[in-house]
Amino acid sequence: MTDPRHRIEIEFCVPCDFRAQAVDLTREIVEQWAHAFSQICLTPSSGGRFEVTLDDELIFSKAALDRHAEPGEINSILESRLGPPPGFGS
């Protein structure tokens, strides 16, 4: 079973109006991964930032890739690190 003490943070640029992307990504994560986290954190920021960290490790950076995450992309990264979510394949 997945260790429920994981922490995920989504840092998003407020002046760039990346709120919708942050909320959509949070919803996507919660739908499959809520059981795996003790904390899911949305962090308002600036400077064009849209970064996702898992347990203090950067797993996605808009700055590095020059794009937002595609639908399902963060879930795929989470699955590669945490294993499949419960009910996977059911």
PDB file of N, CA and C in Angstrom:
ATOM      1  N   MET A   1       0.846  -1.184   0.000  1.00  0.00           N
ATOM      2  CA  MET A   1       0.000   0.000   0.000  1.00  0.00           C
ATOM      3  C   MET A   1       0.887   1.241   0.000  1.00  0.00           C
ATOM      4  N   THR A   2       0.388   2.298  -0.586  1.00  0.00           N
ATOM      5  CA  THR A   2       1.117   3.550  -0.673  1.00  0.00           C
ATOM      6  C   THR A   2       1.238   4.191   0.703  1.00  0.00           C
ATOM      7  N   ASP A   3       2.426   4.708   1.004  1.00  0.00           N
ATOM      8  CA  ASP A   3       2.666   5.411   2.261  1.00  0.00           C
ATOM      9  C   ASP A   3       1.868   6.713   2.249  1.00  0.00           C
ATOM     10  N   PRO A   4       0.942   6.921   3.218  1.00  0.00           N
ATOM     11  CA  PRO A   4       0.075   8.099   3.184  1.00  0.00           C
ATOM     12  C   PRO A   4       0.748   9.369   3.677  1.00  0.00           C
ATOM     13  N   ARG A   5       2.028   9.358   3.852  1.00  0.00           N
ATOM     14  CA  ARG A   5       2.699  10.546   4.370  1.00  0.00           C
ATOM     15  C   ARG A   5       3.355  11.389   3.288  1.00  0.00           C
ATOM     16  N   HIS A   6       3.006  11.197   2.061  1.00  0.00           N
ATOM     17  CA  HIS A   6       3.587  11.992   0.989  1.00  0.00           C
ATOM     18  C   HIS A   6       2.999  13.403   0.996  1.00  0.00           C
ATOM     19  N   ARG A   7       3.775  14.327   0.429  1.00  0.00           N
ATOM     20  CA  ARG A   7       3.343  15.720   0.330  1.00  0.00           C
ATOM     21  C   ARG A   7       3.567  16.176  -1.105  1.00  0.00           C
ATOM     22  N   ILE A   8       2.552  16.841  -1.664  1.00  0.00           N
ATOM     23  CA  ILE A   8       2.709  17.405  -3.004  1.00  0.00           C
ATOM     24  C   ILE A   8       2.411  18.905  -2.929  1.00  0.00           C
ATOM     25  N   GLU A   9       3.204  19.664  -3.667  1.00  0.00           N
ATOM     26  CA  GLU A   9       3.017  21.107  -3.722  1.00  0.00           C
ATOM     27  C   GLU A   9       2.938  21.546  -5.181  1.00  0.00           C
ATOM     28  N   ILE A  10       1.954  22.391  -5.474  1.00  0.00           N
ATOM     29  CA  ILE A  10       1.819  22.993  -6.791  1.00  0.00           C
ATOM     30  C   ILE A  10       2.022  24.494  -6.601  1.00  0.00           C
ATOM     31  N   GLU A  11       3.113  25.000  -7.130  1.00  0.00           N
ATOM     32  CA  GLU A  11       3.418  26.429  -7.057  1.00  0.00           C
ATOM     33  C   GLU A  11       3.024  27.058  -8.388  1.00  0.00           C
ATOM     34  N   PHE A  12       2.190  28.102  -8.334  1.00  0.00           N
ATOM     35  CA  PHE A  12       1.652  28.678  -9.558  1.00  0.00           C
ATOM     36  C   PHE A  12       1.731  30.199  -9.537  1.00  0.00           C
ATOM     37  N   CYS A  13       1.943  30.780 -10.711  1.00  0.00           N
ATOM     38  CA  CYS A  13       2.069  32.223 -10.861  1.00  0.00           C
ATOM     39  C   CYS A  13       0.687  32.869 -10.854  1.00  0.00           C
ATOM     40  N   VAL A  14       0.458  33.780  -9.886  1.00  0.00           N
ATOM     41  CA  VAL A  14      -0.812  34.502  -9.802  1.00  0.00           C
ATOM     42  C   VAL A  14      -0.906  35.577 -10.887  1.00  0.00           C
ATOM     43  N   PRO A  15       0.124  36.434 -11.071  1.00  0.00           N
ATOM     44  CA  PRO A  15       0.016  37.450 -12.123  1.00  0.00           C
ATOM     45  C   PRO A  15      -0.205  36.860 -13.523  1.00  0.00           C
ATOM     46  N   CYS A  16       0.285  35.660 -13.762  1.00  0.00           N
ATOM     47  CA  CYS A  16       0.107  34.987 -15.062  1.00  0.00           C
ATOM     48  C   CYS A  16      -1.261  34.320 -15.159  1.00  0.00           C
ATOM     49  N   ASP A  17      -2.004  34.321 -14.066  1.00  0.00           N
ATOM     50  CA  ASP A  17      -3.323  33.707 -13.970  1.00  0.00           C
ATOM     51  C   ASP A  17      -3.276  32.201 -14.253  1.00  0.00           C
ATOM     52  N   PHE A  18      -2.322  31.523 -13.607  1.00  0.00           N
ATOM     53  CA  PHE A  18      -2.205  30.063 -13.716  1.00  0.00           C
ATOM     54  C   PHE A  18      -3.066  29.346 -12.671  1.00  0.00           C
ATOM     55  N   ARG A  19      -3.983  30.087 -12.036  1.00  0.00           N
ATOM     56  CA  ARG A  19      -4.854  29.482 -11.010  1.00  0.00           C
ATOM     57  C   ARG A  19      -5.663  28.316 -11.553  1.00  0.00           C
ATOM     58  N   ALA A  20      -6.272  28.500 -12.718  1.00  0.00           N
ATOM     59  CA  ALA A  20      -7.118  27.436 -13.282  1.00  0.00           C
ATOM     60  C   ALA A  20      -6.318  26.154 -13.504  1.00  0.00           C
ATOM     61  N   GLN A  21      -5.096  26.280 -14.032  1.00  0.00           N
ATOM     62  CA  GLN A  21      -4.258  25.099 -14.241  1.00  0.00           C
ATOM     63  C   GLN A  21      -3.928  24.425 -12.913  1.00  0.00           C
ATOM     64  N   ALA A  22      -3.655  25.233 -11.886  1.00  0.00           N
ATOM     65  CA  ALA A  22      -3.324  24.672 -10.570  1.00  0.00           C
ATOM     66  C   ALA A  22      -4.519  23.940  -9.974  1.00  0.00           C
ATOM     67  N   VAL A  23      -5.696  24.530 -10.075  1.00  0.00           N
ATOM     68  CA  VAL A  23      -6.908  23.898  -9.532  1.00  0.00           C
ATOM     69  C   VAL A  23      -7.248  22.635 -10.317  1.00  0.00           C
ATOM     70  N   ASP A  24      -7.160  22.697 -11.647  1.00  0.00           N
ATOM     71  CA  ASP A  24      -7.434  21.504 -12.468  1.00  0.00           C
ATOM     72  C   ASP A  24      -6.470  20.368 -12.138  1.00  0.00           C
ATOM     73  N   LEU A  25      -5.197  20.694 -11.980  1.00  0.00           N
ATOM     74  CA  LEU A  25      -4.216  19.668 -11.638  1.00  0.00           C
ATOM     75  C   LEU A  25      -4.491  19.099 -10.249  1.00  0.00           C
ATOM     76  N   THR A  26      -4.856  19.955  -9.308  1.00  0.00           N
ATOM     77  CA  THR A  26      -5.190  19.478  -7.965  1.00  0.00           C
ATOM     78  C   THR A  26      -6.356  18.502  -8.026  1.00  0.00           C
ATOM     79  N   ARG A  27      -7.387  18.850  -8.779  1.00  0.00           N
ATOM     80  CA  ARG A  27      -8.559  17.971  -8.928  1.00  0.00           C
ATOM     81  C   ARG A  27      -8.145  16.625  -9.514  1.00  0.00           C
ATOM     82  N   GLU A  28      -7.310  16.670 -10.544  1.00  0.00           N
ATOM     83  CA  GLU A  28      -6.836  15.445 -11.195  1.00  0.00           C
ATOM     84  C   GLU A  28      -6.075  14.558 -10.200  1.00  0.00           C
ATOM     85  N   ILE A  29      -5.232  15.171  -9.393  1.00  0.00           N
ATOM     86  CA  ILE A  29      -4.451  14.424  -8.410  1.00  0.00           C
ATOM     87  C   ILE A  29      -5.357  13.841  -7.324  1.00  0.00           C
ATOM     88  N   VAL A  30      -6.272  14.650  -6.819  1.00  0.00           N
ATOM     89  CA  VAL A  30      -7.156  14.205  -5.736  1.00  0.00           C
ATOM     90  C   VAL A  30      -8.041  13.047  -6.195  1.00  0.00           C
ATOM     91  N   GLU A  31      -8.502  13.092  -7.438  1.00  0.00           N
ATOM     92  CA  GLU A  31      -9.370  12.019  -7.940  1.00  0.00           C
ATOM     93  C   GLU A  31      -8.708  10.648  -7.870  1.00  0.00           C
ATOM     94  N   GLN A  32      -7.407  10.565  -8.081  1.00  0.00           N
ATOM     95  CA  GLN A  32      -6.728   9.265  -8.073  1.00  0.00           C
ATOM     96  C   GLN A  32      -5.804   9.064  -6.887  1.00  0.00           C
ATOM     97  N   TRP A  33      -5.298  10.141  -6.291  1.00  0.00           N
ATOM     98  CA  TRP A  33      -4.208   9.997  -5.347  1.00  0.00           C
ATOM     99  C   TRP A  33      -4.471  10.532  -3.943  1.00  0.00           C
ATOM    100  N   ALA A  34      -5.687  10.954  -3.627  1.00  0.00           N
ATOM    101  CA  ALA A  34      -5.957  11.553  -2.312  1.00  0.00           C
ATOM    102  C   ALA A  34      -5.475  10.660  -1.170  1.00  0.00           C
ATOM    103  N   HIS A  35      -5.599   9.360  -1.327  1.00  0.00           N
ATOM    104  CA  HIS A  35      -5.203   8.401  -0.285  1.00  0.00           C
ATOM    105  C   HIS A  35      -3.702   8.442   0.019  1.00  0.00           C
ATOM    106  N   ALA A  36      -2.913   8.932  -0.934  1.00  0.00           N
ATOM    107  CA  ALA A  36      -1.460   8.830  -0.814  1.00  0.00           C
ATOM    108  C   ALA A  36      -0.811  10.022  -0.121  1.00  0.00           C
ATOM    109  N   PHE A  37      -1.587  11.063   0.119  1.00  0.00           N
ATOM    110  CA  PHE A  37      -0.995  12.295   0.608  1.00  0.00           C
ATOM    111  C   PHE A  37      -1.500  12.699   1.978  1.00  0.00           C
ATOM    112  N   SER A  38      -0.588  13.211   2.773  1.00  0.00           N
ATOM    113  CA  SER A  38      -0.978  13.843   4.029  1.00  0.00           C
ATOM    114  C   SER A  38      -1.178  15.331   3.801  1.00  0.00           C
ATOM    115  N   GLN A  39      -0.621  15.832   2.688  1.00  0.00           N
ATOM    116  CA  GLN A  39      -0.746  17.252   2.391  1.00  0.00           C
ATOM    117  C   GLN A  39      -0.681  17.486   0.884  1.00  0.00           C
ATOM    118  N   ILE A  40      -1.642  18.271   0.397  1.00  0.00           N
ATOM    119  CA  ILE A  40      -1.644  18.747  -0.979  1.00  0.00           C
ATOM    120  C   ILE A  40      -1.712  20.258  -0.874  1.00  0.00           C
ATOM    121  N   CYS A  41      -0.671  20.927  -1.346  1.00  0.00           N
ATOM    122  CA  CYS A  41      -0.496  22.352  -1.093  1.00  0.00           C
ATOM    123  C   CYS A  41      -0.490  23.136  -2.398  1.00  0.00           C
ATOM    124  N   LEU A  42      -1.312  24.178  -2.460  1.00  0.00           N
ATOM    125  CA  LEU A  42      -1.274  25.139  -3.555  1.00  0.00           C
ATOM    126  C   LEU A  42      -0.547  26.371  -3.054  1.00  0.00           C
ATOM    127  N   THR A  43       0.511  26.777  -3.747  1.00  0.00           N
ATOM    128  CA  THR A  43       1.334  27.899  -3.310  1.00  0.00           C
ATOM    129  C   THR A  43       1.321  29.004  -4.364  1.00  0.00           C
ATOM    130  N   PRO A  44       0.636  30.119  -4.075  1.00  0.00           N
ATOM    131  CA  PRO A  44       0.669  31.249  -5.001  1.00  0.00           C
ATOM    132  C   PRO A  44       2.085  31.799  -5.118  1.00  0.00           C
ATOM    133  N   SER A  45       2.454  32.189  -6.333  1.00  0.00           N
ATOM    134  CA  SER A  45       3.810  32.653  -6.596  1.00  0.00           C
ATOM    135  C   SER A  45       3.764  33.703  -7.705  1.00  0.00           C
ATOM    136  N   SER A  46       4.906  33.975  -8.296  1.00  0.00           N
ATOM    137  CA  SER A  46       4.995  34.920  -9.408  1.00  0.00           C
ATOM    138  C   SER A  46       6.120  34.473 -10.335  1.00  0.00           C
ATOM    139  N   GLY A  47       6.461  35.306 -11.289  1.00  0.00           N
ATOM    140  CA  GLY A  47       7.590  35.006 -12.160  1.00  0.00           C
ATOM    141  C   GLY A  47       7.342  33.909 -13.173  1.00  0.00           C
ATOM    142  N   GLY A  48       6.067  33.647 -13.488  1.00  0.00           N
ATOM    143  CA  GLY A  48       5.757  32.617 -14.481  1.00  0.00           C
ATOM    144  C   GLY A  48       5.903  31.197 -13.987  1.00  0.00           C
ATOM    145  N   ARG A  49       6.006  31.028 -12.679  1.00  0.00           N
ATOM    146  CA  ARG A  49       6.264  29.695 -12.124  1.00  0.00           C
ATOM    147  C   ARG A  49       5.018  28.802 -12.180  1.00  0.00           C
ATOM    148  N   PHE A  50       5.248  27.553 -12.514  1.00  0.00           N
ATOM    149  CA  PHE A  50       4.271  26.476 -12.371  1.00  0.00           C
ATOM    150  C   PHE A  50       5.101  25.224 -12.142  1.00  0.00           C
ATOM    151  N   GLU A  51       5.293  24.899 -10.877  1.00  0.00           N
ATOM    152  CA  GLU A  51       6.166  23.787 -10.516  1.00  0.00           C
ATOM    153  C   GLU A  51       5.451  22.844  -9.564  1.00  0.00           C
ATOM    154  N   VAL A  52       5.733  21.581  -9.719  1.00  0.00           N
ATOM    155  CA  VAL A  52       5.137  20.555  -8.880  1.00  0.00           C
ATOM    156  C   VAL A  52       6.259  19.811  -8.172  1.00  0.00           C
ATOM    157  N   THR A  53       6.155  19.722  -6.849  1.00  0.00           N
ATOM    158  CA  THR A  53       7.139  18.970  -6.080  1.00  0.00           C
ATOM    159  C   THR A  53       6.435  17.853  -5.318  1.00  0.00           C
ATOM    160  N   LEU A  54       7.095  16.729  -5.237  1.00  0.00           N
ATOM    161  CA  LEU A  54       6.638  15.576  -4.472  1.00  0.00           C
ATOM    162  C   LEU A  54       7.685  15.314  -3.403  1.00  0.00           C
ATOM    163  N   ASP A  55       7.270  15.417  -2.160  1.00  0.00           N
ATOM    164  CA  ASP A  55       8.203  15.202  -1.041  1.00  0.00           C
ATOM    165  C   ASP A  55       9.482  16.032  -1.229  1.00  0.00           C
ATOM    166  N   ASP A  56       9.308  17.308  -1.577  1.00  0.00           N
ATOM    167  CA  ASP A  56      10.401  18.267  -1.760  1.00  0.00           C
ATOM    168  C   ASP A  56      11.301  17.988  -2.963  1.00  0.00           C
ATOM    169  N   GLU A  57      10.889  17.089  -3.855  1.00  0.00           N
ATOM    170  CA  GLU A  57      11.639  16.827  -5.092  1.00  0.00           C
ATOM    171  C   GLU A  57      10.843  17.385  -6.266  1.00  0.00           C
ATOM    172  N   LEU A  58      11.465  18.248  -7.044  1.00  0.00           N
ATOM    173  CA  LEU A  58      10.811  18.827  -8.210  1.00  0.00           C
ATOM    174  C   LEU A  58      10.528  17.728  -9.232  1.00  0.00           C
ATOM    175  N   ILE A  59       9.241  17.559  -9.593  1.00  0.00           N
ATOM    176  CA  ILE A  59       8.888  16.529 -10.568  1.00  0.00           C
ATOM    177  C   ILE A  59       8.352  17.122 -11.860  1.00  0.00           C
ATOM    178  N   PHE A  60       7.991  18.406 -11.831  1.00  0.00           N
ATOM    179  CA  PHE A  60       7.565  19.085 -13.059  1.00  0.00           C
ATOM    180  C   PHE A  60       7.866  20.563 -12.924  1.00  0.00           C
ATOM    181  N   SER A  61       8.425  21.146 -13.982  1.00  0.00           N
ATOM    182  CA  SER A  61       8.729  22.574 -14.006  1.00  0.00           C
ATOM    183  C   SER A  61       8.359  23.152 -15.361  1.00  0.00           C
ATOM    184  N   LYS A  62       7.422  24.088 -15.361  1.00  0.00           N
ATOM    185  CA  LYS A  62       7.062  24.779 -16.587  1.00  0.00           C
ATOM    186  C   LYS A  62       8.273  25.524 -17.144  1.00  0.00           C
ATOM    187  N   ALA A  63       9.079  26.091 -16.266  1.00  0.00           N
ATOM    188  CA  ALA A  63      10.264  26.832 -16.708  1.00  0.00           C
ATOM    189  C   ALA A  63      11.229  25.919 -17.465  1.00  0.00           C
ATOM    190  N   ALA A  64      11.410  24.707 -16.983  1.00  0.00           N
ATOM    191  CA  ALA A  64      12.348  23.778 -17.623  1.00  0.00           C
ATOM    192  C   ALA A  64      11.821  23.273 -18.962  1.00  0.00           C
ATOM    193  N   LEU A  65      10.491  23.062 -19.055  1.00  0.00           N
ATOM    194  CA  LEU A  65       9.905  22.477 -20.260  1.00  0.00           C
ATOM    195  C   LEU A  65       9.244  23.499 -21.183  1.00  0.00           C
ATOM    196  N   ASP A  66       9.077  24.734 -20.696  1.00  0.00           N
ATOM    197  CA  ASP A  66       8.430  25.810 -21.447  1.00  0.00           C
ATOM    198  C   ASP A  66       7.000  25.448 -21.851  1.00  0.00           C
ATOM    199  N   ARG A  67       6.298  24.745 -20.948  1.00  0.00           N
ATOM    200  CA  ARG A  67       4.899  24.378 -21.184  1.00  0.00           C
ATOM    201  C   ARG A  67       4.276  23.915 -19.870  1.00  0.00           C
ATOM    202  N   HIS A  68       2.957  23.914 -19.838  1.00  0.00           N
ATOM    203  CA  HIS A  68       2.248  23.344 -18.693  1.00  0.00           C
ATOM    204  C   HIS A  68       2.183  21.828 -18.856  1.00  0.00           C
ATOM    205  N   ALA A  69       1.898  21.154 -17.774  1.00  0.00           N
ATOM    206  CA  ALA A  69       1.734  19.697 -17.819  1.00  0.00           C
ATOM    207  C   ALA A  69       0.511  19.341 -18.666  1.00  0.00           C
ATOM    208  N   GLU A  70       0.640  18.302 -19.433  1.00  0.00           N
ATOM    209  CA  GLU A  70      -0.485  17.780 -20.202  1.00  0.00           C
ATOM    210  C   GLU A  70      -1.418  17.021 -19.259  1.00  0.00           C
ATOM    211  N   PRO A  71      -2.721  16.906 -19.601  1.00  0.00           N
ATOM    212  CA  PRO A  71      -3.622  16.107 -18.759  1.00  0.00           C
ATOM    213  C   PRO A  71      -3.065  14.696 -18.576  1.00  0.00           C
ATOM    214  N   GLY A  72      -3.021  14.236 -17.345  1.00  0.00           N
ATOM    215  CA  GLY A  72      -2.534  12.900 -17.023  1.00  0.00           C
ATOM    216  C   GLY A  72      -1.030  12.801 -16.830  1.00  0.00           C
ATOM    217  N   GLU A  73      -0.289  13.809 -17.233  1.00  0.00           N
ATOM    218  CA  GLU A  73       1.179  13.747 -17.157  1.00  0.00           C
ATOM    219  C   GLU A  73       1.677  13.649 -15.715  1.00  0.00           C
ATOM    220  N   ILE A  74       1.135  14.456 -14.820  1.00  0.00           N
ATOM    221  CA  ILE A  74       1.564  14.413 -13.418  1.00  0.00           C
ATOM    222  C   ILE A  74       1.136  13.096 -12.787  1.00  0.00           C
ATOM    223  N   ASN A  75      -0.058  12.618 -13.111  1.00  0.00           N
ATOM    224  CA  ASN A  75      -0.492  11.319 -12.584  1.00  0.00           C
ATOM    225  C   ASN A  75       0.455  10.204 -13.023  1.00  0.00           C
ATOM    226  N   SER A  76       0.951  10.263 -14.252  1.00  0.00           N
ATOM    227  CA  SER A  76       1.913   9.263 -14.727  1.00  0.00           C
ATOM    228  C   SER A  76       3.212   9.330 -13.939  1.00  0.00           C
ATOM    229  N   ILE A  77       3.659  10.553 -13.646  1.00  0.00           N
ATOM    230  CA  ILE A  77       4.870  10.713 -12.840  1.00  0.00           C
ATOM    231  C   ILE A  77       4.642  10.162 -11.436  1.00  0.00           C
ATOM    232  N   LEU A  78       3.479  10.469 -10.868  1.00  0.00           N
ATOM    233  CA  LEU A  78       3.166   9.957  -9.527  1.00  0.00           C
ATOM    234  C   LEU A  78       3.124   8.432  -9.525  1.00  0.00           C
ATOM    235  N   GLU A  79       2.511   7.851 -10.539  1.00  0.00           N
ATOM    236  CA  GLU A  79       2.444   6.387 -10.616  1.00  0.00           C
ATOM    237  C   GLU A  79       3.832   5.771 -10.712  1.00  0.00           C
ATOM    238  N   SER A  80       4.732   6.399 -11.437  1.00  0.00           N
ATOM    239  CA  SER A  80       6.085   5.854 -11.562  1.00  0.00           C
ATOM    240  C   SER A  80       6.830   5.902 -10.231  1.00  0.00           C
ATOM    241  N   ARG A  81       6.440   6.819  -9.352  1.00  0.00           N
ATOM    242  CA  ARG A  81       7.122   6.944  -8.056  1.00  0.00           C
ATOM    243  C   ARG A  81       6.389   6.243  -6.915  1.00  0.00           C
ATOM    244  N   LEU A  82       5.056   6.195  -7.004  1.00  0.00           N
ATOM    245  CA  LEU A  82       4.261   5.662  -5.892  1.00  0.00           C
ATOM    246  C   LEU A  82       3.579   4.334  -6.195  1.00  0.00           C
ATOM    247  N   GLY A  83       3.635   3.873  -7.439  1.00  0.00           N
ATOM    248  CA  GLY A  83       2.922   2.670  -7.820  1.00  0.00           C
ATOM    249  C   GLY A  83       1.514   3.041  -8.259  1.00  0.00           C
ATOM    250  N   PRO A  84       0.767   2.087  -8.783  1.00  0.00           N
ATOM    251  CA  PRO A  84      -0.571   2.397  -9.279  1.00  0.00           C
ATOM    252  C   PRO A  84      -1.515   2.778  -8.130  1.00  0.00           C
ATOM    253  N   PRO A  85      -2.464   3.676  -8.429  1.00  0.00           N
ATOM    254  CA  PRO A  85      -3.453   4.026  -7.400  1.00  0.00           C
ATOM    255  C   PRO A  85      -4.394   2.854  -7.143  1.00  0.00           C
ATOM    256  N   PRO A  86      -5.062   2.825  -5.980  1.00  0.00           N
ATOM    257  CA  PRO A  86      -6.014   1.745  -5.696  1.00  0.00           C
ATOM    258  C   PRO A  86      -7.091   1.688  -6.780  1.00  0.00           C
ATOM    259  N   GLY A  87      -7.495   0.489  -7.111  1.00  0.00           N
ATOM    260  CA  GLY A  87      -8.534   0.306  -8.127  1.00  0.00           C
ATOM    261  C   GLY A  87      -7.995   0.381  -9.540  1.00  0.00           C
ATOM    262  N   PHE A  88      -6.679   0.552  -9.697  1.00  0.00           N
ATOM    263  CA  PHE A  88      -6.084   0.639 -11.018  1.00  0.00           C
ATOM    264  C   PHE A  88      -6.365  -0.655 -11.773  1.00  0.00           C
ATOM    265  N   GLY A  89      -6.942  -0.505 -12.954  1.00  0.00           N
ATOM    266  CA  GLY A  89      -7.223  -1.667 -13.775  1.00  0.00           C
ATOM    267  C   GLY A  89      -8.485  -2.415 -13.390  1.00  0.00           C
ATOM    268  N   SER A  90      -9.235  -1.898 -12.382  1.00  0.00           N
ATOM    269  CA  SER A  90     -10.476  -2.570 -11.996  1.00  0.00           C
ATOM    270  C   SER A  90     -11.618  -2.088 -12.820  1.00  0.00           C
TER     271      SER A  90
END
